[in-house]
PDB file of N, CA and C in Angstrom:
ATOM      1  N   MET A   1       0.839  -1.179   0.000  1.00  0.00           N
ATOM      2  CA  MET A   1       0.000   0.000   0.000  1.00  0.00           C
ATOM      3  C   MET A   1       0.885   1.244   0.000  1.00  0.00           C
ATOM      4  N   ASN A   2       0.500   2.265  -0.740  1.00  0.00           N
ATOM      5  CA  ASN A   2       1.230   3.529  -0.787  1.00  0.00           C
ATOM      6  C   ASN A   2       1.000   4.311   0.494  1.00  0.00           C
ATOM      7  N   ASN A   3       1.932   5.222   0.792  1.00  0.00           N
ATOM      8  CA  ASN A   3       1.659   6.157   1.874  1.00  0.00           C
ATOM      9  C   ASN A   3       1.478   7.540   1.269  1.00  0.00           C
ATOM     10  N   VAL A   4       1.028   8.482   2.076  1.00  0.00           N
ATOM     11  CA  VAL A   4       0.714   9.825   1.589  1.00  0.00           C
ATOM     12  C   VAL A   4       1.931  10.460   0.928  1.00  0.00           C
ATOM     13  N   GLU A   5       3.095  10.335   1.557  1.00  0.00           N
ATOM     14  CA  GLU A   5       4.312  10.936   0.990  1.00  0.00           C
ATOM     15  C   GLU A   5       4.633  10.376  -0.389  1.00  0.00           C
ATOM     16  N   GLN A   6       4.507   9.075  -0.562  1.00  0.00           N
ATOM     17  CA  GLN A   6       4.797   8.466  -1.864  1.00  0.00           C
ATOM     18  C   GLN A   6       3.871   9.016  -2.941  1.00  0.00           C
ATOM     19  N   VAL A   7       2.599   9.156  -2.626  1.00  0.00           N
ATOM     20  CA  VAL A   7       1.633   9.660  -3.606  1.00  0.00           C
ATOM     21  C   VAL A   7       1.938  11.112  -3.954  1.00  0.00           C
ATOM     22  N   LEU A   8       2.244  11.935  -2.949  1.00  0.00           N
ATOM     23  CA  LEU A   8       2.460  13.361  -3.181  1.00  0.00           C
ATOM     24  C   LEU A   8       3.810  13.680  -3.814  1.00  0.00           C
ATOM     25  N   ARG A   9       4.724  12.731  -3.851  1.00  0.00           N
ATOM     26  CA  ARG A   9       6.006  12.976  -4.532  1.00  0.00           C
ATOM     27  C   ARG A   9       5.805  13.227  -6.020  1.00  0.00           C
ATOM     28  N   SER A  10       4.689  12.770  -6.563  1.00  0.00           N
ATOM     29  CA  SER A  10       4.421  12.993  -7.986  1.00  0.00           C
ATOM     30  C   SER A  10       3.725  14.332  -8.234  1.00  0.00           C
ATOM     31  N   GLY A  11       3.390  15.077  -7.174  1.00  0.00           N
ATOM     32  CA  GLY A  11       2.789  16.398  -7.340  1.00  0.00           C
ATOM     33  C   GLY A  11       1.523  16.585  -6.529  1.00  0.00           C
ATOM     34  N   LEU A  12       0.839  17.697  -6.791  1.00  0.00           N
ATOM     35  CA  LEU A  12      -0.405  18.022  -6.089  1.00  0.00           C
ATOM     36  C   LEU A  12      -1.439  16.919  -6.258  1.00  0.00           C
ATOM     37  N   ALA A  13      -2.287  16.761  -5.239  1.00  0.00           N
ATOM     38  CA  ALA A  13      -3.358  15.772  -5.323  1.00  0.00           C
ATOM     39  C   ALA A  13      -4.577  16.278  -4.568  1.00  0.00           C
ATOM     40  N   THR A  14      -5.750  15.903  -5.047  1.00  0.00           N
ATOM     41  CA  THR A  14      -6.993  16.207  -4.342  1.00  0.00           C
ATOM     42  C   THR A  14      -7.239  15.113  -3.310  1.00  0.00           C
ATOM     43  N   SER A  15      -8.206  15.334  -2.438  1.00  0.00           N
ATOM     44  CA  SER A  15      -8.529  14.299  -1.458  1.00  0.00           C
ATOM     45  C   SER A  15      -9.046  13.044  -2.159  1.00  0.00           C
ATOM     46  N   HIS A  16      -9.819  13.217  -3.232  1.00  0.00           N
ATOM     47  CA  HIS A  16     -10.330  12.055  -3.970  1.00  0.00           C
ATOM     48  C   HIS A  16      -9.180  11.244  -4.568  1.00  0.00           C
ATOM     49  N   GLN A  17      -8.172  11.929  -5.100  1.00  0.00           N
ATOM     50  CA  GLN A  17      -7.016  11.231  -5.669  1.00  0.00           C
ATOM     51  C   GLN A  17      -6.242  10.488  -4.584  1.00  0.00           C
ATOM     52  N   LEU A  18      -6.073  11.113  -3.419  1.00  0.00           N
ATOM     53  CA  LEU A  18      -5.355  10.460  -2.320  1.00  0.00           C
ATOM     54  C   LEU A  18      -6.125   9.250  -1.800  1.00  0.00           C
ATOM     55  N   ILE A  19      -7.432   9.399  -1.634  1.00  0.00           N
ATOM     56  CA  ILE A  19      -8.256   8.290  -1.147  1.00  0.00           C
ATOM     57  C   ILE A  19      -8.168   7.097  -2.090  1.00  0.00           C
ATOM     58  N   ALA A  20      -8.236   7.355  -3.394  1.00  0.00           N
ATOM     59  CA  ALA A  20      -8.152   6.268  -4.377  1.00  0.00           C
ATOM     60  C   ALA A  20      -6.772   5.621  -4.367  1.00  0.00           C
ATOM     61  N   ALA A  21      -5.717   6.429  -4.331  1.00  0.00           N
ATOM     62  CA  ALA A  21      -4.357   5.893  -4.379  1.00  0.00           C
ATOM     63  C   ALA A  21      -3.995   5.131  -3.108  1.00  0.00           C
ATOM     64  N   LEU A  22      -4.538   5.554  -1.975  1.00  0.00           N
ATOM     65  CA  LEU A  22      -4.204   4.940  -0.693  1.00  0.00           C
ATOM     66  C   LEU A  22      -5.172   3.833  -0.299  1.00  0.00           C
ATOM     67  N   CYS A  23      -6.239   3.662  -1.071  1.00  0.00           N
ATOM     68  CA  CYS A  23      -7.281   2.669  -0.750  1.00  0.00           C
ATOM     69  C   CYS A  23      -7.756   2.853   0.691  1.00  0.00           C
ATOM     70  N   THR A  24      -8.115   4.081   1.027  1.00  0.00           N
ATOM     71  CA  THR A  24      -8.541   4.412   2.380  1.00  0.00           C
ATOM     72  C   THR A  24      -9.891   5.110   2.337  1.00  0.00           C
ATOM     73  N   SER A  25     -10.454   5.390   3.495  1.00  0.00           N
ATOM     74  CA  SER A  25     -11.751   6.070   3.556  1.00  0.00           C
ATOM     75  C   SER A  25     -11.561   7.569   3.758  1.00  0.00           C
ATOM     76  N   GLN A  26     -12.617   8.331   3.477  1.00  0.00           N
ATOM     77  CA  GLN A  26     -12.558   9.783   3.631  1.00  0.00           C
ATOM     78  C   GLN A  26     -12.280  10.186   5.079  1.00  0.00           C
ATOM     79  N   PRO A  27     -12.884   9.557   6.093  1.00  0.00           N
ATOM     80  CA  PRO A  27     -12.576   9.951   7.472  1.00  0.00           C
ATOM     81  C   PRO A  27     -11.135   9.641   7.896  1.00  0.00           C
ATOM     82  N   THR A  28     -10.511   8.670   7.264  1.00  0.00           N
ATOM     83  CA  THR A  28      -9.147   8.280   7.623  1.00  0.00           C
ATOM     84  C   THR A  28      -8.101   9.213   7.026  1.00  0.00           C
ATOM     85  N   LEU A  29      -8.389   9.806   5.882  1.00  0.00           N
ATOM     86  CA  LEU A  29      -7.398  10.642   5.189  1.00  0.00           C
ATOM     87  C   LEU A  29      -6.865  11.789   6.048  1.00  0.00           C
ATOM     88  N   PRO A  30      -7.700  12.602   6.696  1.00  0.00           N
ATOM     89  CA  PRO A  30      -7.145  13.685   7.523  1.00  0.00           C
ATOM     90  C   PRO A  30      -6.220  13.186   8.633  1.00  0.00           C
ATOM     91  N   ARG A  31      -6.523  12.041   9.207  1.00  0.00           N
ATOM     92  CA  ARG A  31      -5.642  11.472  10.248  1.00  0.00           C
ATOM     93  C   ARG A  31      -4.289  11.105   9.669  1.00  0.00           C
ATOM     94  N   ARG A  32      -4.293  10.542   8.483  1.00  0.00           N
ATOM     95  CA  ARG A  32      -3.021  10.163   7.852  1.00  0.00           C
ATOM     96  C   ARG A  32      -2.200  11.399   7.491  1.00  0.00           C
ATOM     97  N   ILE A  33      -2.874  12.467   7.071  1.00  0.00           N
ATOM     98  CA  ILE A  33      -2.171  13.710   6.737  1.00  0.00           C
ATOM     99  C   ILE A  33      -1.618  14.357   8.010  1.00  0.00           C
ATOM    100  N   ARG A  34      -2.427  14.416   9.083  1.00  0.00           N
ATOM    101  CA  ARG A  34      -1.959  14.995  10.352  1.00  0.00           C
ATOM    102  C   ARG A  34      -0.780  14.225  10.928  1.00  0.00           C
ATOM    103  N   ALA A  35      -0.724  12.935  10.699  1.00  0.00           N
ATOM    104  CA  ALA A  35       0.365  12.108  11.231  1.00  0.00           C
ATOM    105  C   ALA A  35       1.722  12.495  10.653  1.00  0.00           C
ATOM    106  N   LEU A  36       1.733  13.200   9.539  1.00  0.00           N
ATOM    107  CA  LEU A  36       2.998  13.605   8.919  1.00  0.00           C
ATOM    108  C   LEU A  36       3.565  14.882   9.541  1.00  0.00           C
ATOM    109  N   ALA A  37       2.883  15.452  10.514  1.00  0.00           N
ATOM    110  CA  ALA A  37       3.378  16.585  11.314  1.00  0.00           C
ATOM    111  C   ALA A  37       3.983  17.711  10.486  1.00  0.00           C
ATOM    112  N   GLY A  38       3.210  18.287   9.597  1.00  0.00           N
ATOM    113  CA  GLY A  38       3.662  19.456   8.856  1.00  0.00           C
ATOM    114  C   GLY A  38       4.396  19.175   7.561  1.00  0.00           C
ATOM    115  N   ALA A  39       4.568  17.929   7.182  1.00  0.00           N
ATOM    116  CA  ALA A  39       5.259  17.612   5.930  1.00  0.00           C
ATOM    117  C   ALA A  39       4.349  17.818   4.720  1.00  0.00           C
ATOM    118  N   VAL A  40       3.042  17.926   4.964  1.00  0.00           N
ATOM    119  CA  VAL A  40       2.077  18.105   3.878  1.00  0.00           C
ATOM    120  C   VAL A  40       1.498  19.514   3.950  1.00  0.00           C
ATOM    121  N   LEU A  41       1.488  20.193   2.822  1.00  0.00           N
ATOM    122  CA  LEU A  41       0.943  21.539   2.705  1.00  0.00           C
ATOM    123  C   LEU A  41      -0.472  21.439   2.153  1.00  0.00           C
ATOM    124  N   THR A  42      -1.438  22.094   2.811  1.00  0.00           N
ATOM    125  CA  THR A  42      -2.828  22.106   2.369  1.00  0.00           C
ATOM    126  C   THR A  42      -3.102  23.431   1.674  1.00  0.00           C
ATOM    127  N   LEU A  43      -3.549  23.366   0.431  1.00  0.00           N
ATOM    128  CA  LEU A  43      -3.808  24.559  -0.376  1.00  0.00           C
ATOM    129  C   LEU A  43      -5.283  24.629  -0.722  1.00  0.00           C
ATOM    130  N   GLY A  44      -5.916  25.767  -0.498  1.00  0.00           N
ATOM    131  CA  GLY A  44      -7.318  25.935  -0.832  1.00  0.00           C
ATOM    132  C   GLY A  44      -8.243  25.451   0.267  1.00  0.00           C
ATOM    133  N   LYS A  45      -9.541  25.541  -0.017  1.00  0.00           N
ATOM    134  CA  LYS A  45     -10.559  25.135   0.955  1.00  0.00           C
ATOM    135  C   LYS A  45     -11.688  24.404   0.243  1.00  0.00           C
ATOM    136  N   GLY A  46     -12.377  23.582   1.000  1.00  0.00           N
ATOM    137  CA  GLY A  46     -13.531  22.865   0.466  1.00  0.00           C
ATOM    138  C   GLY A  46     -13.157  21.949  -0.684  1.00  0.00           C
ATOM    139  N   LYS A  47     -13.995  21.953  -1.716  1.00  0.00           N
ATOM    140  CA  LYS A  47     -13.752  21.077  -2.865  1.00  0.00           C
ATOM    141  C   LYS A  47     -12.508  21.456  -3.647  1.00  0.00           C
ATOM    142  N   ALA A  48     -12.028  22.684  -3.463  1.00  0.00           N
ATOM    143  CA  ALA A  48     -10.835  23.147  -4.179  1.00  0.00           C
ATOM    144  C   ALA A  48      -9.536  22.787  -3.449  1.00  0.00           C
ATOM    145  N   THR A  49      -9.609  22.079  -2.328  1.00  0.00           N
ATOM    146  CA  THR A  49      -8.417  21.745  -1.550  1.00  0.00           C
ATOM    147  C   THR A  49      -7.505  20.798  -2.313  1.00  0.00           C
ATOM    148  N   ARG A  50      -6.228  21.134  -2.314  1.00  0.00           N
ATOM    149  CA  ARG A  50      -5.187  20.292  -2.905  1.00  0.00           C
ATOM    150  C   ARG A  50      -4.116  20.084  -1.845  1.00  0.00           C
ATOM    151  N   TYR A  51      -3.427  18.979  -1.930  1.00  0.00           N
ATOM    152  CA  TYR A  51      -2.368  18.655  -0.976  1.00  0.00           C
ATOM    153  C   TYR A  51      -1.048  18.529  -1.723  1.00  0.00           C
ATOM    154  N   ALA A  52       0.018  18.987  -1.082  1.00  0.00           N
ATOM    155  CA  ALA A  52       1.351  18.912  -1.678  1.00  0.00           C
ATOM    156  C   ALA A  52       2.349  18.539  -0.591  1.00  0.00           C
ATOM    157  N   LEU A  53       3.416  17.924  -0.992  1.00  0.00           N
ATOM    158  CA  LEU A  53       4.486  17.559  -0.071  1.00  0.00           C
ATOM    159  C   LEU A  53       5.452  18.728   0.034  1.00  0.00           C
ATOM    160  N   ARG A  54       5.750  19.138   1.254  1.00  0.00           N
ATOM    161  CA  ARG A  54       6.734  20.213   1.442  1.00  0.00           C
ATOM    162  C   ARG A  54       8.109  19.667   1.109  1.00  0.00           C
ATOM    163  N   ARG A  55       8.946  20.522   0.546  1.00  0.00           N
ATOM    164  CA  ARG A  55      10.324  20.127   0.264  1.00  0.00           C
ATOM    165  C   ARG A  55      11.225  21.314   0.530  1.00  0.00           C
ATOM    166  N   GLY A  56      12.446  21.032   0.830  1.00  0.00           N
ATOM    167  CA  GLY A  56      13.396  22.094   1.117  1.00  0.00           C
ATOM    168  C   GLY A  56      13.939  22.729  -0.152  1.00  0.00           C
ATOM    169  N   VAL A  57      14.371  23.966  -0.029  1.00  0.00           N
ATOM    170  CA  VAL A  57      15.029  24.687  -1.111  1.00  0.00           C
ATOM    171  C   VAL A  57      16.376  25.117  -0.569  1.00  0.00           C
ATOM    172  N   ALA A  58      17.442  24.694  -1.216  1.00  0.00           N
ATOM    173  CA  ALA A  58      18.806  25.000  -0.773  1.00  0.00           C
ATOM    174  C   ALA A  58      19.016  24.581   0.679  1.00  0.00           C
ATOM    175  N   GLY A  59      18.446  23.441   1.048  1.00  0.00           N
ATOM    176  CA  GLY A  59      18.631  22.908   2.387  1.00  0.00           C
ATOM    177  C   GLY A  59      17.756  23.541   3.458  1.00  0.00           C
ATOM    178  N   GLU A  60      16.926  24.494   3.101  1.00  0.00           N
ATOM    179  CA  GLU A  60      16.061  25.177   4.071  1.00  0.00           C
ATOM    180  C   GLU A  60      14.609  24.759   3.867  1.00  0.00           C
ATOM    181  N   ARG A  61      13.890  24.594   4.956  1.00  0.00           N
ATOM    182  CA  ARG A  61      12.465  24.257   4.870  1.00  0.00           C
ATOM    183  C   ARG A  61      11.585  25.492   4.961  1.00  0.00           C
ATOM    184  N   GLN A  62      12.065  26.549   5.609  1.00  0.00           N
ATOM    185  CA  GLN A  62      11.307  27.792   5.702  1.00  0.00           C
ATOM    186  C   GLN A  62      12.198  28.951   5.302  1.00  0.00           C
ATOM    187  N   PHE A  63      11.634  29.888   4.569  1.00  0.00           N
ATOM    188  CA  PHE A  63      12.390  31.054   4.133  1.00  0.00           C
ATOM    189  C   PHE A  63      11.406  32.166   3.791  1.00  0.00           C
ATOM    190  N   PRO A  64      11.845  33.428   3.874  1.00  0.00           N
ATOM    191  CA  PRO A  64      10.939  34.536   3.572  1.00  0.00           C
ATOM    192  C   PRO A  64      10.673  34.661   2.076  1.00  0.00           C
ATOM    193  N   LEU A  65       9.472  35.083   1.732  1.00  0.00           N
ATOM    194  CA  LEU A  65       9.109  35.374   0.347  1.00  0.00           C
ATOM    195  C   LEU A  65       8.938  36.880   0.214  1.00  0.00           C
ATOM    196  N   TYR A  66       9.496  37.437  -0.842  1.00  0.00           N
ATOM    197  CA  TYR A  66       9.394  38.873  -1.085  1.00  0.00           C
ATOM    198  C   TYR A  66       8.618  39.124  -2.365  1.00  0.00           C
ATOM    199  N   ARG A  67       8.010  40.284  -2.452  1.00  0.00           N
ATOM    200  CA  ARG A  67       7.330  40.693  -3.677  1.00  0.00           C
ATOM    201  C   ARG A  67       7.862  42.067  -4.079  1.00  0.00           C
ATOM    202  N   VAL A  68       7.895  42.323  -5.356  1.00  0.00           N
ATOM    203  CA  VAL A  68       8.310  43.628  -5.863  1.00  0.00           C
ATOM    204  C   VAL A  68       7.055  44.474  -5.979  1.00  0.00           C
ATOM    205  N   GLU A  69       7.011  45.557  -5.206  1.00  0.00           N
ATOM    206  CA  GLU A  69       5.827  46.413  -5.190  1.00  0.00           C
ATOM    207  C   GLU A  69       5.877  47.454  -6.301  1.00  0.00           C
ATOM    208  N   ARG A  70       7.037  47.968  -6.576  1.00  0.00           N
ATOM    209  CA  ARG A  70       7.276  48.883  -7.699  1.00  0.00           C
ATOM    210  C   ARG A  70       8.785  48.847  -7.933  1.00  0.00           C
ATOM    211  N   PRO A  71       9.254  49.301  -9.060  1.00  0.00           N
ATOM    212  CA  PRO A  71      10.688  49.209  -9.350  1.00  0.00           C
ATOM    213  C   PRO A  71      11.554  49.732  -8.201  1.00  0.00           C
ATOM    214  N   GLY A  72      12.441  48.876  -7.744  1.00  0.00           N
ATOM    215  CA  GLY A  72      13.374  49.247  -6.690  1.00  0.00           C
ATOM    216  C   GLY A  72      12.856  49.059  -5.280  1.00  0.00           C
ATOM    217  N   CYS A  73      11.601  48.674  -5.115  1.00  0.00           N
ATOM    218  CA  CYS A  73      11.028  48.495  -3.780  1.00  0.00           C
ATOM    219  C   CYS A  73      10.528  47.066  -3.629  1.00  0.00           C
ATOM    220  N   ARG A  74      10.822  46.494  -2.489  1.00  0.00           N
ATOM    221  CA  ARG A  74      10.327  45.146  -2.233  1.00  0.00           C
ATOM    222  C   ARG A  74       9.651  45.119  -0.877  1.00  0.00           C
ATOM    223  N   GLY A  75       8.769  44.180  -0.709  1.00  0.00           N
ATOM    224  CA  GLY A  75       8.068  44.013   0.562  1.00  0.00           C
ATOM    225  C   GLY A  75       7.978  42.543   0.891  1.00  0.00           C
ATOM    226  N   ILE A  76       7.886  42.236   2.161  1.00  0.00           N
ATOM    227  CA  ILE A  76       7.776  40.839   2.563  1.00  0.00           C
ATOM    228  C   ILE A  76       6.352  40.363   2.258  1.00  0.00           C
ATOM    229  N   ALA A  77       6.254  39.230   1.601  1.00  0.00           N
ATOM    230  CA  ALA A  77       4.953  38.670   1.235  1.00  0.00           C
ATOM    231  C   ALA A  77       4.521  37.598   2.225  1.00  0.00           C
ATOM    232  N   GLY A  78       5.458  37.040   2.966  1.00  0.00           N
ATOM    233  CA  GLY A  78       5.147  35.975   3.912  1.00  0.00           C
ATOM    234  C   GLY A  78       6.312  35.023   4.014  1.00  0.00           C
ATOM    235  N   ASN A  79       6.047  33.851   4.553  1.00  0.00           N
ATOM    236  CA  ASN A  79       7.063  32.816   4.689  1.00  0.00           C
ATOM    237  C   ASN A  79       6.626  31.579   3.941  1.00  0.00           C
ATOM    238  N   ALA A  80       7.558  30.951   3.269  1.00  0.00           N
ATOM    239  CA  ALA A  80       7.286  29.693   2.577  1.00  0.00           C
ATOM    240  C   ALA A  80       7.748  28.568   3.477  1.00  0.00           C
ATOM    241  N   GLY A  81       7.037  27.474   3.386  1.00  0.00           N
ATOM    242  CA  GLY A  81       7.432  26.306   4.140  1.00  0.00           C
ATOM    243  C   GLY A  81       6.704  26.207   5.367  1.00  0.00           C
TER     244      GLY A  81
END
């Protein structure tokens, strides 16, 4: 049987895709995702929810994201990871 990490290594997945790939029930899926303790990123809400596996960039799991507000000016947009 696949685990959540194995399925998400191929990219984003919906809950329906994860349930089918893992041969599990809908009530069990959130427990399996929570068991990964932050390794899975949840994007969107409701039927639009997608799941992705977090991965490091240059050895870092969290880093600041910046946006260019106008030429020569930048602002912090948030944190990734």
